[in-house]
Amino acid sequence: KVQTGVKEIRLRFSRVKFWLGVGAEFNKGTRQILSLAGLIPTPPPIFGRRTKGHYDALQKLLAQRQEMHEAAVKEYHKHSGSRGLHAR
């Protein structure tokens, strides 16, 4: 047997489906494995200290990106001579 250092997990889909059907609640690790396998949706990130302030930083970044996009479009239209893609 070749040792590759890769860990492999095999899931029996019928059993996972059975336990999901009877309303089993999985722990955090099991939920992560099932979501990585694509059997259940990925759980949302936990809100807390690790995510504090990230929303504000993301909003600032998106606003800056929108300003840059609008400036690029304005510059494009300034040099193109017409407002649309197809000048008639």
N, C-alpha and C. Protein backbone atom coordinates (compact mmCIF):
# COMPACT_ATOMS: atom_id res chain seq x y z
N LYS A 1 0.85 -1.18 0.00
CA LYS A 1 0.00 0.00 0.00
C LYS A 1 0.89 1.24 0.00
N VAL A 2 0.57 2.19 -0.87
CA VAL A 2 1.36 3.41 -1.00
C VAL A 2 0.87 4.43 0.02
N GLN A 3 1.80 5.04 0.76
CA GLN A 3 1.47 6.08 1.72
C GLN A 3 1.62 7.45 1.05
N THR A 4 0.50 8.16 0.87
CA THR A 4 0.55 9.46 0.20
C THR A 4 0.38 10.61 1.16
N GLY A 5 -0.05 10.35 2.38
CA GLY A 5 -0.29 11.43 3.33
C GLY A 5 -1.65 12.09 3.16
N VAL A 6 -2.45 11.61 2.21
CA VAL A 6 -3.77 12.17 1.96
C VAL A 6 -4.79 11.36 2.74
N LYS A 7 -5.65 12.05 3.48
CA LYS A 7 -6.69 11.37 4.24
C LYS A 7 -7.95 11.29 3.39
N GLU A 8 -8.60 10.16 3.43
CA GLU A 8 -9.78 9.93 2.60
C GLU A 8 -10.95 9.56 3.50
N ILE A 9 -12.09 10.16 3.21
CA ILE A 9 -13.32 9.85 3.93
C ILE A 9 -14.33 9.37 2.91
N ARG A 10 -14.95 8.26 3.18
CA ARG A 10 -15.99 7.74 2.30
C ARG A 10 -17.32 7.86 3.00
N LEU A 11 -18.27 8.46 2.31
CA LEU A 11 -19.61 8.66 2.87
C LEU A 11 -20.61 7.81 2.10
N ARG A 12 -21.44 7.12 2.84
CA ARG A 12 -22.51 6.34 2.22
C ARG A 12 -23.72 7.27 2.13
N PHE A 13 -24.00 7.71 0.91
CA PHE A 13 -25.03 8.72 0.70
C PHE A 13 -26.39 8.27 1.23
N SER A 14 -26.71 7.00 1.08
CA SER A 14 -28.02 6.52 1.54
C SER A 14 -28.17 6.68 3.05
N ARG A 15 -27.09 6.45 3.81
CA ARG A 15 -27.16 6.59 5.26
C ARG A 15 -27.24 8.07 5.67
N VAL A 16 -26.48 8.91 4.97
CA VAL A 16 -26.55 10.34 5.26
C VAL A 16 -27.96 10.85 5.00
N LYS A 17 -28.53 10.43 3.87
CA LYS A 17 -29.88 10.83 3.51
C LYS A 17 -30.90 10.34 4.55
N PHE A 18 -30.70 9.12 5.05
CA PHE A 18 -31.58 8.58 6.07
C PHE A 18 -31.54 9.44 7.32
N TRP A 19 -30.33 9.74 7.82
CA TRP A 19 -30.20 10.50 9.05
C TRP A 19 -30.71 11.93 8.88
N LEU A 20 -30.50 12.51 7.71
CA LEU A 20 -31.05 13.84 7.46
C LEU A 20 -32.58 13.77 7.46
N GLY A 21 -33.12 12.68 6.91
CA GLY A 21 -34.56 12.51 6.83
C GLY A 21 -35.24 12.34 8.17
N VAL A 22 -34.56 11.71 9.12
CA VAL A 22 -35.17 11.52 10.43
C VAL A 22 -34.90 12.68 11.37
N GLY A 23 -34.21 13.71 10.87
CA GLY A 23 -34.02 14.93 11.66
C GLY A 23 -32.82 14.93 12.57
N ALA A 24 -31.80 14.17 12.24
CA ALA A 24 -30.60 14.15 13.07
C ALA A 24 -29.91 15.50 13.02
N GLU A 25 -29.36 15.92 14.16
CA GLU A 25 -28.60 17.16 14.22
C GLU A 25 -27.12 16.80 14.31
N PHE A 26 -26.35 17.31 13.37
CA PHE A 26 -24.93 16.98 13.30
C PHE A 26 -24.10 17.99 14.08
N ASN A 27 -22.96 17.54 14.59
CA ASN A 27 -22.06 18.47 15.26
C ASN A 27 -21.33 19.31 14.21
N LYS A 28 -20.55 20.27 14.67
CA LYS A 28 -19.89 21.23 13.77
C LYS A 28 -18.99 20.55 12.74
N GLY A 29 -18.19 19.58 13.19
CA GLY A 29 -17.26 18.90 12.27
C GLY A 29 -17.97 18.09 11.22
N THR A 30 -19.01 17.36 11.63
CA THR A 30 -19.78 16.55 10.68
C THR A 30 -20.48 17.45 9.68
N ARG A 31 -21.03 18.55 10.16
CA ARG A 31 -21.72 19.50 9.27
C ARG A 31 -20.75 20.05 8.23
N GLN A 32 -19.51 20.33 8.64
CA GLN A 32 -18.52 20.85 7.71
C GLN A 32 -18.15 19.80 6.66
N ILE A 33 -17.97 18.56 7.09
CA ILE A 33 -17.62 17.49 6.15
C ILE A 33 -18.74 17.28 5.14
N LEU A 34 -20.00 17.28 5.61
CA LEU A 34 -21.12 17.08 4.70
C LEU A 34 -21.27 18.25 3.74
N SER A 35 -20.97 19.45 4.19
CA SER A 35 -21.06 20.60 3.29
C SER A 35 -19.92 20.58 2.27
N LEU A 36 -18.74 20.14 2.68
CA LEU A 36 -17.63 20.02 1.73
C LEU A 36 -17.91 18.96 0.68
N ALA A 37 -18.65 17.92 1.08
CA ALA A 37 -19.02 16.86 0.14
C ALA A 37 -20.17 17.28 -0.77
N GLY A 38 -20.80 18.41 -0.47
CA GLY A 38 -21.90 18.90 -1.29
C GLY A 38 -23.23 18.25 -0.96
N LEU A 39 -23.34 17.61 0.20
CA LEU A 39 -24.58 16.93 0.57
C LEU A 39 -25.55 17.86 1.29
N ILE A 40 -25.04 18.90 1.94
CA ILE A 40 -25.88 19.90 2.59
C ILE A 40 -25.32 21.27 2.25
N PRO A 41 -26.13 22.32 2.38
CA PRO A 41 -25.61 23.66 2.11
C PRO A 41 -24.52 24.06 3.11
N THR A 42 -23.61 24.91 2.67
CA THR A 42 -22.55 25.40 3.54
C THR A 42 -23.16 26.27 4.62
N PRO A 43 -22.83 26.01 5.90
CA PRO A 43 -23.39 26.85 6.96
C PRO A 43 -22.81 28.25 6.91
N PRO A 44 -23.60 29.25 7.33
CA PRO A 44 -23.08 30.62 7.33
C PRO A 44 -21.96 30.77 8.35
N PRO A 45 -21.06 31.74 8.14
CA PRO A 45 -19.97 31.94 9.11
C PRO A 45 -20.53 32.42 10.44
N ILE A 46 -19.83 32.08 11.51
CA ILE A 46 -20.25 32.48 12.84
C ILE A 46 -19.93 33.96 13.03
N PHE A 47 -20.91 34.72 13.49
CA PHE A 47 -20.70 36.15 13.71
C PHE A 47 -20.11 36.35 15.10
N GLY A 48 -19.11 37.15 15.18
CA GLY A 48 -18.50 37.39 16.48
C GLY A 48 -17.28 38.27 16.35
N ARG A 49 -16.32 38.05 17.22
CA ARG A 49 -15.12 38.90 17.24
C ARG A 49 -14.32 38.79 15.95
N ARG A 50 -14.28 37.60 15.35
CA ARG A 50 -13.46 37.41 14.15
C ARG A 50 -14.00 38.18 12.97
N THR A 51 -15.32 38.43 12.93
CA THR A 51 -15.91 39.13 11.80
C THR A 51 -16.25 40.58 12.12
N LYS A 52 -15.95 41.02 13.33
CA LYS A 52 -16.31 42.38 13.74
C LYS A 52 -15.56 43.41 12.88
N GLY A 53 -16.31 44.31 12.29
CA GLY A 53 -15.71 45.36 11.48
C GLY A 53 -15.48 44.98 10.02
N HIS A 54 -15.63 43.73 9.68
CA HIS A 54 -15.40 43.32 8.29
C HIS A 54 -16.46 43.89 7.36
N TYR A 55 -17.69 44.01 7.86
CA TYR A 55 -18.77 44.53 7.02
C TYR A 55 -18.49 45.97 6.63
N ASP A 56 -18.05 46.78 7.57
CA ASP A 56 -17.74 48.19 7.27
C ASP A 56 -16.58 48.30 6.28
N ALA A 57 -15.56 47.47 6.48
CA ALA A 57 -14.41 47.49 5.56
C ALA A 57 -14.85 47.06 4.16
N LEU A 58 -15.73 46.08 4.09
CA LEU A 58 -16.23 45.62 2.79
C LEU A 58 -17.04 46.71 2.10
N GLN A 59 -17.88 47.42 2.86
CA GLN A 59 -18.67 48.50 2.28
C GLN A 59 -17.78 49.61 1.73
N LYS A 60 -16.71 49.96 2.44
CA LYS A 60 -15.77 50.98 1.97
C LYS A 60 -15.08 50.52 0.69
N LEU A 61 -14.68 49.26 0.66
CA LEU A 61 -14.01 48.72 -0.52
C LEU A 61 -14.94 48.71 -1.72
N LEU A 62 -16.19 48.32 -1.51
CA LEU A 62 -17.15 48.29 -2.62
C LEU A 62 -17.45 49.70 -3.13
N ALA A 63 -17.53 50.67 -2.22
CA ALA A 63 -17.76 52.06 -2.64
C ALA A 63 -16.58 52.58 -3.46
N GLN A 64 -15.35 52.26 -3.02
CA GLN A 64 -14.15 52.68 -3.75
C GLN A 64 -14.11 52.01 -5.13
N ARG A 65 -14.47 50.76 -5.19
CA ARG A 65 -14.48 50.04 -6.46
C ARG A 65 -15.51 50.65 -7.42
N GLN A 66 -16.70 51.02 -6.88
CA GLN A 66 -17.73 51.62 -7.71
C GLN A 66 -17.26 52.97 -8.26
N GLU A 67 -16.58 53.76 -7.43
CA GLU A 67 -16.05 55.05 -7.88
C GLU A 67 -15.02 54.87 -9.00
N MET A 68 -14.15 53.89 -8.84
CA MET A 68 -13.14 53.62 -9.86
C MET A 68 -13.81 53.17 -11.16
N HIS A 69 -14.84 52.37 -11.06
CA HIS A 69 -15.56 51.90 -12.24
C HIS A 69 -16.22 53.07 -12.97
N GLU A 70 -16.89 53.92 -12.20
CA GLU A 70 -17.55 55.07 -12.81
C GLU A 70 -16.55 56.01 -13.47
N ALA A 71 -15.38 56.20 -12.85
CA ALA A 71 -14.35 57.04 -13.44
C ALA A 71 -13.82 56.43 -14.74
N ALA A 72 -13.66 55.11 -14.76
CA ALA A 72 -13.18 54.44 -15.98
C ALA A 72 -14.20 54.55 -17.09
N VAL A 73 -15.48 54.41 -16.77
CA VAL A 73 -16.54 54.52 -17.79
C VAL A 73 -16.58 55.95 -18.33
N LYS A 74 -16.46 56.93 -17.43
CA LYS A 74 -16.46 58.33 -17.84
C LYS A 74 -15.27 58.63 -18.77
N GLU A 75 -14.11 58.11 -18.42
CA GLU A 75 -12.91 58.30 -19.24
C GLU A 75 -13.09 57.64 -20.61
N TYR A 76 -13.69 56.48 -20.62
CA TYR A 76 -13.94 55.77 -21.88
C TYR A 76 -14.85 56.59 -22.78
N HIS A 77 -15.94 57.09 -22.20
CA HIS A 77 -16.89 57.87 -23.00
C HIS A 77 -16.28 59.19 -23.46
N LYS A 78 -15.37 59.74 -22.68
CA LYS A 78 -14.73 61.00 -23.06
C LYS A 78 -13.89 60.81 -24.32
N HIS A 79 -13.23 59.65 -24.43
CA HIS A 79 -12.37 59.41 -25.59
C HIS A 79 -13.08 58.74 -26.75
N SER A 80 -14.23 58.14 -26.51
CA SER A 80 -14.89 57.40 -27.60
C SER A 80 -15.70 58.32 -28.49
N GLY A 81 -16.20 59.42 -27.98
CA GLY A 81 -16.95 60.37 -28.81
C GLY A 81 -18.44 60.08 -28.85
N SER A 82 -18.87 58.87 -28.51
CA SER A 82 -20.30 58.56 -28.48
C SER A 82 -20.63 57.86 -27.19
N ARG A 83 -21.91 57.83 -26.86
CA ARG A 83 -22.34 57.28 -25.58
C ARG A 83 -22.62 55.78 -25.63
N GLY A 84 -22.92 55.22 -26.76
CA GLY A 84 -23.29 53.81 -26.84
C GLY A 84 -22.20 52.94 -27.42
N LEU A 85 -22.47 51.65 -27.43
CA LEU A 85 -21.53 50.72 -28.04
C LEU A 85 -21.53 50.85 -29.56
N HIS A 86 -22.73 51.06 -30.12
CA HIS A 86 -22.85 51.11 -31.57
C HIS A 86 -23.22 52.53 -31.99
N ALA A 87 -22.29 53.23 -32.58
CA ALA A 87 -22.57 54.59 -33.05
C ALA A 87 -23.27 54.50 -34.39
N ARG A 88 -24.34 55.27 -34.53
CA ARG A 88 -25.10 55.25 -35.79
C ARG A 88 -24.91 56.51 -36.54
